[in-house]
């Protein structure tokens, strides 16, 4: 009798251990799945900072159908393409209203090179490229102003970063290939530099043309000739000391404020 009771107790204990083990295993699996989902729904920059979190349940504040946006590719991974509306300059940055922060679902949709008109899929898109997208923009309540963008069945136009860079250099050299104006975006004259915004225009494949603005961090030295009062939003004429094929940071030889 005692032996039967002992066997029943042992079997009961083993059954409880098996049930608890199964529950623990299931919870661990679910936790890992959730963690993996979160890893794929959060986009980090190269320093590990979160720049887009798709796990947030922020409400859509506005939906704009059949609209066109432009943006510079910040990241392209984990099935998403994230476009930024500005340029980075170390710890500072300069954002442009013409560009849109947006998260695009990478569906291997058709892409068309801006200049050659050759067709590719989204594997063609790399960081630094400029995208022109047509579709539906869903604006969300994120503090950083991110949006979701659905390209529908519309192809993505891709201006490669190398081509974009060549266009910038052409404008900086004062060639007349691309009409442009120069304005002071932000000035930090007391720190010895300012941001100049160029409104580069091109109508290669469009009757109305595109505006591809870009910003330059320009340094002021004791030798820089300054004419007029330098204020944000002012149109200016400039000459550079060290113009090369890398237009990220330049030193000003002269800068002249133009009356708007």
C-alpha atoms as a PDB file:
ATOM      1  CA  UNK A   1       0.000   0.000   0.000  1.00  0.00           C
ATOM      2  CA  UNK A   2       2.766   2.383   1.004  1.00  0.00           C
ATOM      3  CA  UNK A   3       4.671   1.425  -2.106  1.00  0.00           C
ATOM      4  CA  UNK A   4       1.679   2.357  -4.345  1.00  0.00           C
ATOM      5  CA  UNK A   5       1.286   5.686  -2.591  1.00  0.00           C
ATOM      6  CA  UNK A   6       4.999   6.403  -3.050  1.00  0.00           C
ATOM      7  CA  UNK A   7       4.765   5.634  -6.789  1.00  0.00           C
ATOM      8  CA  UNK A   8       1.711   7.884  -7.158  1.00  0.00           C
ATOM      9  CA  UNK A   9       3.503  10.749  -5.373  1.00  0.00           C
ATOM     10  CA  UNK A  10       6.584  10.360  -7.588  1.00  0.00           C
ATOM     11  CA  UNK A  11       4.468  10.300 -10.760  1.00  0.00           C
ATOM     12  CA  UNK A  12       2.568  13.378  -9.599  1.00  0.00           C
ATOM     13  CA  UNK A  13       5.808  15.262  -8.923  1.00  0.00           C
ATOM     14  CA  UNK A  14       7.201  14.280 -12.344  1.00  0.00           C
ATOM     15  CA  UNK A  15       3.974  15.386 -14.035  1.00  0.00           C
ATOM     16  CA  UNK A  16       4.125  18.758 -12.263  1.00  0.00           C
ATOM     17  CA  UNK A  17       7.788  19.200 -13.277  1.00  0.00           C
ATOM     18  CA  UNK A  18       6.906  18.336 -16.894  1.00  0.00           C
ATOM     19  CA  UNK A  19       4.023  20.820 -16.949  1.00  0.00           C
ATOM     20  CA  UNK A  20       6.114  23.604 -15.400  1.00  0.00           C
ATOM     21  CA  UNK A  21       8.956  22.866 -17.822  1.00  0.00           C
ATOM     22  CA  UNK A  22       6.586  23.073 -20.789  1.00  0.00           C
ATOM     23  CA  UNK A  23       5.147  26.376 -19.580  1.00  0.00           C
ATOM     24  CA  UNK A  24       8.643  27.809 -19.017  1.00  0.00           C
ATOM     25  CA  UNK A  25       9.802  26.671 -22.470  1.00  0.00           C
ATOM     26  CA  UNK A  26       6.722  28.214 -24.119  1.00  0.00           C
ATOM     27  CA  UNK A  27       7.184  31.531 -22.327  1.00  0.00           C
ATOM     28  CA  UNK A  28      10.887  31.591 -23.239  1.00  0.00           C
ATOM     29  CA  UNK A  29      10.068  30.969 -26.892  1.00  0.00           C
ATOM     30  CA  UNK A  30       7.427  33.714 -26.901  1.00  0.00           C
ATOM     31  CA  UNK A  31       9.864  36.078 -25.215  1.00  0.00           C
ATOM     32  CA  UNK A  32      12.529  35.329 -27.816  1.00  0.00           C
ATOM     33  CA  UNK A  33      10.022  35.813 -30.634  1.00  0.00           C
ATOM     34  CA  UNK A  34       8.920  39.143 -29.177  1.00  0.00           C
ATOM     35  CA  UNK A  35      12.534  40.230 -28.757  1.00  0.00           C
ATOM     36  CA  UNK A  36      13.324  39.267 -32.341  1.00  0.00           C
ATOM     37  CA  UNK A  37      10.274  41.156 -33.579  1.00  0.00           C
ATOM     38  CA  UNK A  38      11.354  44.197 -31.606  1.00  0.00           C
ATOM     39  CA  UNK A  39      14.858  43.931 -33.019  1.00  0.00           C
ATOM     40  CA  UNK A  40      13.415  44.064 -36.512  1.00  0.00           C
ATOM     41  CA  UNK A  41      10.979  46.865 -35.685  1.00  0.00           C
ATOM     42  CA  UNK A  42      13.585  49.208 -34.217  1.00  0.00           C
ATOM     43  CA  UNK A  43      16.083  50.958 -36.483  1.00  0.00           C
ATOM     44  CA  UNK A  44      19.396  52.094 -35.018  1.00  0.00           C
ATOM     45  CA  UNK A  45      22.008  54.448 -36.403  1.00  0.00           C
ATOM     46  CA  UNK A  46      25.681  53.470 -36.598  1.00  0.00           C
ATOM     47  CA  UNK A  47      26.275  54.639 -33.021  1.00  0.00           C
ATOM     48  CA  UNK A  48      23.466  52.449 -31.681  1.00  0.00           C
ATOM     49  CA  UNK A  49      20.954  55.234 -31.124  1.00  0.00           C
ATOM     50  CA  UNK A  50      17.286  54.526 -31.907  1.00  0.00           C
ATOM     51  CA  UNK A  51      16.152  56.665 -34.835  1.00  0.00           C
ATOM     52  CA  UNK A  52      12.901  54.853 -35.664  1.00  0.00           C
ATOM     53  CA  UNK A  53      10.749  52.591 -33.491  1.00  0.00           C
ATOM     54  CA  UNK A  54       7.956  50.826 -35.369  1.00  0.00           C
ATOM     55  CA  UNK A  55       6.814  49.053 -32.202  1.00  0.00           C
ATOM     56  CA  UNK A  56       5.328  52.318 -30.949  1.00  0.00           C
ATOM     57  CA  UNK A  57       1.573  52.449 -31.369  1.00  0.00           C
ATOM     58  CA  UNK A  58       1.357  56.148 -32.147  1.00  0.00           C
ATOM     59  CA  UNK A  59      -1.806  57.148 -33.947  1.00  0.00           C
ATOM     60  CA  UNK A  60      -1.787  58.260 -37.545  1.00  0.00           C
ATOM     61  CA  UNK A  61      -2.515  61.994 -37.507  1.00  0.00           C
ATOM     62  CA  UNK A  62      -2.939  62.493 -41.259  1.00  0.00           C
ATOM     63  CA  UNK A  63      -3.037  60.401 -44.441  1.00  0.00           C
ATOM     64  CA  UNK A  64      -2.023  61.987 -47.734  1.00  0.00           C
ATOM     65  CA  UNK A  65      -2.938  59.964 -50.833  1.00  0.00           C
ATOM     66  CA  UNK A  66      -1.147  60.115 -54.206  1.00  0.00           C
ATOM     67  CA  UNK A  67       1.645  62.348 -52.999  1.00  0.00           C
ATOM     68  CA  UNK A  68       5.321  62.603 -53.957  1.00  0.00           C
ATOM     69  CA  UNK A  69       8.102  62.723 -51.378  1.00  0.00           C
ATOM     70  CA  UNK A  70      11.869  62.975 -51.547  1.00  0.00           C
ATOM     71  CA  UNK A  71      14.370  61.859 -48.954  1.00  0.00           C
ATOM     72  CA  UNK A  72      17.959  60.769 -48.416  1.00  0.00           C
ATOM     73  CA  UNK A  73      18.450  57.106 -47.468  1.00  0.00           C
ATOM     74  CA  UNK A  74      19.672  56.922 -43.893  1.00  0.00           C
ATOM     75  CA  UNK A  75      19.410  53.146 -43.471  1.00  0.00           C
ATOM     76  CA  UNK A  76      18.359  50.189 -45.607  1.00  0.00           C
ATOM     77  CA  UNK A  77      18.129  46.939 -43.650  1.00  0.00           C
ATOM     78  CA  UNK A  78      15.762  44.436 -42.016  1.00  0.00           C
ATOM     79  CA  UNK A  79      13.232  44.871 -44.823  1.00  0.00           C
ATOM     80  CA  UNK A  80      12.851  48.611 -44.402  1.00  0.00           C
ATOM     81  CA  UNK A  81      14.157  51.730 -46.112  1.00  0.00           C
ATOM     82  CA  UNK A  82      14.433  54.769 -43.866  1.00  0.00           C
ATOM     83  CA  UNK A  83      14.763  58.218 -45.463  1.00  0.00           C
ATOM     84  CA  UNK A  84      16.016  61.283 -43.652  1.00  0.00           C
ATOM     85  CA  UNK A  85      15.147  64.925 -44.295  1.00  0.00           C
ATOM     86  CA  UNK A  86      18.569  66.410 -43.788  1.00  0.00           C
ATOM     87  CA  UNK A  87      22.303  65.959 -43.594  1.00  0.00           C
ATOM     88  CA  UNK A  88      24.588  65.134 -40.679  1.00  0.00           C
ATOM     89  CA  UNK A  89      27.537  67.313 -39.688  1.00  0.00           C
ATOM     90  CA  UNK A  90      29.085  65.642 -36.677  1.00  0.00           C
ATOM     91  CA  UNK A  91      27.068  66.570 -33.626  1.00  0.00           C
ATOM     92  CA  UNK A  92      25.095  69.175 -35.620  1.00  0.00           C
ATOM     93  CA  UNK A  93      22.629  68.653 -38.419  1.00  0.00           C
ATOM     94  CA  UNK A  94      20.743  70.636 -41.020  1.00  0.00           C
ATOM     95  CA  UNK A  95      17.241  69.604 -42.045  1.00  0.00           C
ATOM     96  CA  UNK A  96      15.408  70.609 -45.209  1.00  0.00           C
ATOM     97  CA  UNK A  97      11.673  71.007 -45.595  1.00  0.00           C
ATOM     98  CA  UNK A  98      11.837  69.656 -49.159  1.00  0.00           C
ATOM     99  CA  UNK A  99      12.809  66.217 -47.845  1.00  0.00           C
ATOM    100  CA  UNK A 100      10.700  63.837 -45.766  1.00  0.00           C
ATOM    101  CA  UNK A 101      11.532  61.467 -42.926  1.00  0.00           C
ATOM    102  CA  UNK A 102       9.769  58.244 -43.835  1.00  0.00           C
ATOM    103  CA  UNK A 103       9.854  54.517 -43.281  1.00  0.00           C
ATOM    104  CA  UNK A 104       9.245  52.534 -46.475  1.00  0.00           C
ATOM    105  CA  UNK A 105       8.459  48.834 -46.513  1.00  0.00           C
ATOM    106  CA  UNK A 106      11.014  47.078 -48.712  1.00  0.00           C
ATOM    107  CA  UNK A 107       8.805  44.954 -50.996  1.00  0.00           C
ATOM    108  CA  UNK A 108      11.483  44.550 -53.693  1.00  0.00           C
ATOM    109  CA  UNK A 109       9.451  47.036 -55.716  1.00  0.00           C
ATOM    110  CA  UNK A 110      10.678  48.407 -59.033  1.00  0.00           C
ATOM    111  CA  UNK A 111      13.337  51.105 -58.893  1.00  0.00           C
ATOM    112  CA  UNK A 112      14.427  53.386 -61.743  1.00  0.00           C
ATOM    113  CA  UNK A 113      17.816  55.106 -61.905  1.00  0.00           C
ATOM    114  CA  UNK A 114      17.279  58.878 -62.163  1.00  0.00           C
ATOM    115  CA  UNK A 115      19.774  59.400 -64.992  1.00  0.00           C
ATOM    116  CA  UNK A 116      20.030  56.106 -66.907  1.00  0.00           C
ATOM    117  CA  UNK A 117      16.340  55.111 -66.498  1.00  0.00           C
ATOM    118  CA  UNK A 118      17.473  51.494 -66.058  1.00  0.00           C
ATOM    119  CA  UNK A 119      15.210  49.326 -63.909  1.00  0.00           C
ATOM    120  CA  UNK A 120      16.256  47.512 -60.740  1.00  0.00           C
ATOM    121  CA  UNK A 121      14.687  46.322 -57.497  1.00  0.00           C
ATOM    122  CA  UNK A 122      15.333  47.757 -54.035  1.00  0.00           C
ATOM    123  CA  UNK A 123      18.700  45.982 -53.755  1.00  0.00           C
ATOM    124  CA  UNK A 124      19.884  48.918 -55.867  1.00  0.00           C
ATOM    125  CA  UNK A 125      19.203  51.354 -53.019  1.00  0.00           C
ATOM    126  CA  UNK A 126      22.098  52.222 -50.723  1.00  0.00           C
ATOM    127  CA  UNK A 127      22.699  54.647 -47.875  1.00  0.00           C
ATOM    128  CA  UNK A 128      23.201  58.183 -49.156  1.00  0.00           C
ATOM    129  CA  UNK A 129      21.026  57.745 -52.252  1.00  0.00           C
ATOM    130  CA  UNK A 130      18.198  60.199 -52.801  1.00  0.00           C
ATOM    131  CA  UNK A 131      14.747  58.693 -53.413  1.00  0.00           C
ATOM    132  CA  UNK A 132      11.695  60.122 -55.142  1.00  0.00           C
ATOM    133  CA  UNK A 133       8.598  58.132 -54.160  1.00  0.00           C
ATOM    134  CA  UNK A 134       4.930  58.308 -55.134  1.00  0.00           C
ATOM    135  CA  UNK A 135       2.229  56.814 -52.928  1.00  0.00           C
ATOM    136  CA  UNK A 136       0.446  57.281 -49.605  1.00  0.00           C
ATOM    137  CA  UNK A 137       2.060  59.171 -46.722  1.00  0.00           C
ATOM    138  CA  UNK A 138       0.829  58.348 -43.213  1.00  0.00           C
ATOM    139  CA  UNK A 139       1.936  60.973 -40.739  1.00  0.00           C
ATOM    140  CA  UNK A 140       2.368  59.824 -37.145  1.00  0.00           C
ATOM    141  CA  UNK A 141       2.689  61.494 -33.806  1.00  0.00           C
ATOM    142  CA  UNK A 142       6.324  60.670 -33.142  1.00  0.00           C
ATOM    143  CA  UNK A 143       8.255  63.469 -31.537  1.00  0.00           C
ATOM    144  CA  UNK A 144      10.922  63.169 -34.251  1.00  0.00           C
ATOM    145  CA  UNK A 145       8.341  63.460 -37.027  1.00  0.00           C
ATOM    146  CA  UNK A 146       8.705  60.076 -38.672  1.00  0.00           C
ATOM    147  CA  UNK A 147       6.099  58.890 -41.159  1.00  0.00           C
ATOM    148  CA  UNK A 148       5.175  55.660 -42.924  1.00  0.00           C
ATOM    149  CA  UNK A 149       5.105  55.673 -46.707  1.00  0.00           C
ATOM    150  CA  UNK A 150       3.417  53.120 -48.976  1.00  0.00           C
ATOM    151  CA  UNK A 151       4.728  53.205 -52.546  1.00  0.00           C
ATOM    152  CA  UNK A 152       1.771  51.097 -53.718  1.00  0.00           C
ATOM    153  CA  UNK A 153       2.669  49.803 -57.198  1.00  0.00           C
ATOM    154  CA  UNK A 154       4.644  52.920 -58.083  1.00  0.00           C
ATOM    155  CA  UNK A 155       8.357  52.588 -58.900  1.00  0.00           C
ATOM    156  CA  UNK A 156      10.954  54.370 -56.765  1.00  0.00           C
ATOM    157  CA  UNK A 157      13.215  56.816 -58.574  1.00  0.00           C
ATOM    158  CA  UNK A 158      16.788  56.547 -57.289  1.00  0.00           C
ATOM    159  CA  UNK A 159      19.358  59.315 -57.605  1.00  0.00           C
ATOM    160  CA  UNK A 160      22.588  57.560 -56.652  1.00  0.00           C
ATOM    161  CA  UNK A 161      24.729  59.299 -54.058  1.00  0.00           C
ATOM    162  CA  UNK A 162      27.688  59.450 -56.456  1.00  0.00           C
ATOM    163  CA  UNK A 163      25.562  61.211 -59.101  1.00  0.00           C
ATOM    164  CA  UNK A 164      24.087  63.502 -56.449  1.00  0.00           C
ATOM    165  CA  UNK A 165      27.603  64.355 -55.280  1.00  0.00           C
ATOM    166  CA  UNK A 166      28.696  65.194 -58.847  1.00  0.00           C
ATOM    167  CA  UNK A 167      25.700  67.519 -59.184  1.00  0.00           C
ATOM    168  CA  UNK A 168      26.691  69.280 -55.953  1.00  0.00           C
ATOM    169  CA  UNK A 169      30.293  69.757 -57.080  1.00  0.00           C
ATOM    170  CA  UNK A 170      29.081  71.143 -60.420  1.00  0.00           C
ATOM    171  CA  UNK A 171      26.966  73.736 -58.608  1.00  0.00           C
ATOM    172  CA  UNK A 172      29.723  74.618 -56.128  1.00  0.00           C
ATOM    173  CA  UNK A 173      32.114  75.274 -59.005  1.00  0.00           C
ATOM    174  CA  UNK A 174      29.671  77.831 -60.373  1.00  0.00           C
ATOM    175  CA  UNK A 175      28.794  75.951 -63.555  1.00  0.00           C
ATOM    176  CA  UNK A 176      25.428  76.667 -65.133  1.00  0.00           C
ATOM    177  CA  UNK A 177      24.346  73.038 -65.595  1.00  0.00           C
ATOM    178  CA  UNK A 178      21.915  73.216 -62.683  1.00  0.00           C
ATOM    179  CA  UNK A 179      20.226  76.508 -61.724  1.00  0.00           C
ATOM    180  CA  UNK A 180      20.517  77.210 -58.014  1.00  0.00           C
ATOM    181  CA  UNK A 181      20.387  79.861 -55.343  1.00  0.00           C
ATOM    182  CA  UNK A 182      22.392  80.038 -52.119  1.00  0.00           C
ATOM    183  CA  UNK A 183      20.929  81.067 -48.775  1.00  0.00           C
ATOM    184  CA  UNK A 184      22.239  81.100 -45.225  1.00  0.00           C
ATOM    185  CA  UNK A 185      20.521  78.255 -43.416  1.00  0.00           C
ATOM    186  CA  UNK A 186      21.995  78.725 -39.958  1.00  0.00           C
ATOM    187  CA  UNK A 187      24.934  80.825 -38.886  1.00  0.00           C
ATOM    188  CA  UNK A 188      27.346  80.170 -36.056  1.00  0.00           C
ATOM    189  CA  UNK A 189      29.725  82.966 -36.987  1.00  0.00           C
ATOM    190  CA  UNK A 190      31.011  83.263 -33.430  1.00  0.00           C
ATOM    191  CA  UNK A 191      32.127  79.631 -33.733  1.00  0.00           C
ATOM    192  CA  UNK A 192      33.635  80.230 -37.155  1.00  0.00           C
ATOM    193  CA  UNK A 193      31.196  78.512 -39.496  1.00  0.00           C
ATOM    194  CA  UNK A 194      27.734  78.597 -41.031  1.00  0.00           C
ATOM    195  CA  UNK A 195      25.437  76.359 -43.071  1.00  0.00           C
ATOM    196  CA  UNK A 196      24.730  77.341 -46.660  1.00  0.00           C
ATOM    197  CA  UNK A 197      21.703  75.866 -48.395  1.00  0.00           C
ATOM    198  CA  UNK A 198      21.814  75.315 -52.146  1.00  0.00           C
ATOM    199  CA  UNK A 199      18.534  74.831 -54.046  1.00  0.00           C
ATOM    200  CA  UNK A 200      19.778  72.658 -56.898  1.00  0.00           C
ATOM    201  CA  UNK A 201      17.197  72.360 -59.690  1.00  0.00           C
ATOM    202  CA  UNK A 202      17.118  69.821 -62.518  1.00  0.00           C
ATOM    203  CA  UNK A 203      14.591  69.036 -65.257  1.00  0.00           C
ATOM    204  CA  UNK A 204      16.429  66.143 -66.961  1.00  0.00           C
ATOM    205  CA  UNK A 205      13.383  63.865 -66.929  1.00  0.00           C
ATOM    206  CA  UNK A 206      10.597  66.205 -65.851  1.00  0.00           C
ATOM    207  CA  UNK A 207       8.859  69.175 -67.436  1.00  0.00           C
ATOM    208  CA  UNK A 208       8.321  70.735 -64.029  1.00  0.00           C
ATOM    209  CA  UNK A 209      11.760  69.778 -62.738  1.00  0.00           C
ATOM    210  CA  UNK A 210      12.993  68.636 -59.334  1.00  0.00           C
ATOM    211  CA  UNK A 211      14.574  70.548 -56.495  1.00  0.00           C
ATOM    212  CA  UNK A 212      17.438  68.658 -54.842  1.00  0.00           C
ATOM    213  CA  UNK A 213      18.607  70.994 -52.081  1.00  0.00           C
ATOM    214  CA  UNK A 214      21.763  70.293 -50.139  1.00  0.00           C
ATOM    215  CA  UNK A 215      23.674  71.980 -47.356  1.00  0.00           C
ATOM    216  CA  UNK A 216      27.326  72.877 -46.951  1.00  0.00           C
ATOM    217  CA  UNK A 217      29.148  73.526 -43.704  1.00  0.00           C
ATOM    218  CA  UNK A 218      31.338  76.503 -44.637  1.00  0.00           C
ATOM    219  CA  UNK A 219      34.136  77.791 -42.409  1.00  0.00           C
ATOM    220  CA  UNK A 220      35.000  81.451 -41.866  1.00  0.00           C
ATOM    221  CA  UNK A 221      38.629  82.390 -41.238  1.00  0.00           C
ATOM    222  CA  UNK A 222      40.449  85.644 -40.524  1.00  0.00           C
ATOM    223  CA  UNK A 223      41.108  85.876 -44.270  1.00  0.00           C
ATOM    224  CA  UNK A 224      37.459  85.520 -45.304  1.00  0.00           C
ATOM    225  CA  UNK A 225      36.107  88.681 -46.927  1.00  0.00           C
ATOM    226  CA  UNK A 226      32.579  89.374 -45.616  1.00  0.00           C
ATOM    227  CA  UNK A 227      30.364  91.890 -47.380  1.00  0.00           C
ATOM    228  CA  UNK A 228      27.005  92.834 -45.885  1.00  0.00           C
ATOM    229  CA  UNK A 229      25.221  91.444 -42.848  1.00  0.00           C
ATOM    230  CA  UNK A 230      25.015  87.650 -42.682  1.00  0.00           C
ATOM    231  CA  UNK A 231      21.569  86.576 -41.449  1.00  0.00           C
ATOM    232  CA  UNK A 232      19.578  83.373 -41.658  1.00  0.00           C
ATOM    233  CA  UNK A 233      17.556  83.195 -44.874  1.00  0.00           C
ATOM    234  CA  UNK A 234      19.699  85.761 -46.684  1.00  0.00           C
ATOM    235  CA  UNK A 235      20.743  85.052 -50.270  1.00  0.00           C
ATOM    236  CA  UNK A 236      24.511  85.148 -50.701  1.00  0.00           C
ATOM    237  CA  UNK A 237      27.320  84.907 -53.239  1.00  0.00           C
ATOM    238  CA  UNK A 238      30.345  82.857 -52.206  1.00  0.00           C
ATOM    239  CA  UNK A 239      33.839  81.856 -53.225  1.00  0.00           C
ATOM    240  CA  UNK A 240      35.738  78.971 -51.655  1.00  0.00           C
ATOM    241  CA  UNK A 241      39.406  78.495 -50.837  1.00  0.00           C
ATOM    242  CA  UNK A 242      39.603  74.719 -51.072  1.00  0.00           C
ATOM    243  CA  UNK A 243      36.954  73.482 -53.498  1.00  0.00           C
ATOM    244  CA  UNK A 244      37.543  69.791 -54.198  1.00  0.00           C
ATOM    245  CA  UNK A 245      35.411  66.814 -55.188  1.00  0.00           C
ATOM    246  CA  UNK A 246      34.408  66.365 -51.541  1.00  0.00           C
ATOM    247  CA  UNK A 247      31.904  69.135 -50.800  1.00  0.00           C
ATOM    248  CA  UNK A 248      31.202  68.252 -47.165  1.00  0.00           C
ATOM    249  CA  UNK A 249      33.245  71.010 -45.493  1.00  0.00           C
ATOM    250  CA  UNK A 250      34.681  74.075 -47.223  1.00  0.00           C
ATOM    251  CA  UNK A 251      36.525  77.255 -46.254  1.00  0.00           C
ATOM    252  CA  UNK A 252      35.112  80.563 -47.464  1.00  0.00           C
ATOM    253  CA  UNK A 253      37.329  82.924 -49.444  1.00  0.00           C
ATOM    254  CA  UNK A 254      34.531  85.494 -49.607  1.00  0.00           C
ATOM    255  CA  UNK A 255      30.841  85.758 -48.858  1.00  0.00           C
ATOM    256  CA  UNK A 256      28.510  88.592 -49.882  1.00  0.00           C
ATOM    257  CA  UNK A 257      24.957  89.101 -48.609  1.00  0.00           C
ATOM    258  CA  UNK A 258      22.462  89.942 -51.348  1.00  0.00           C
ATOM    259  CA  UNK A 259      19.361  92.004 -50.697  1.00  0.00           C
ATOM    260  CA  UNK A 260      16.326  89.716 -51.105  1.00  0.00           C
END
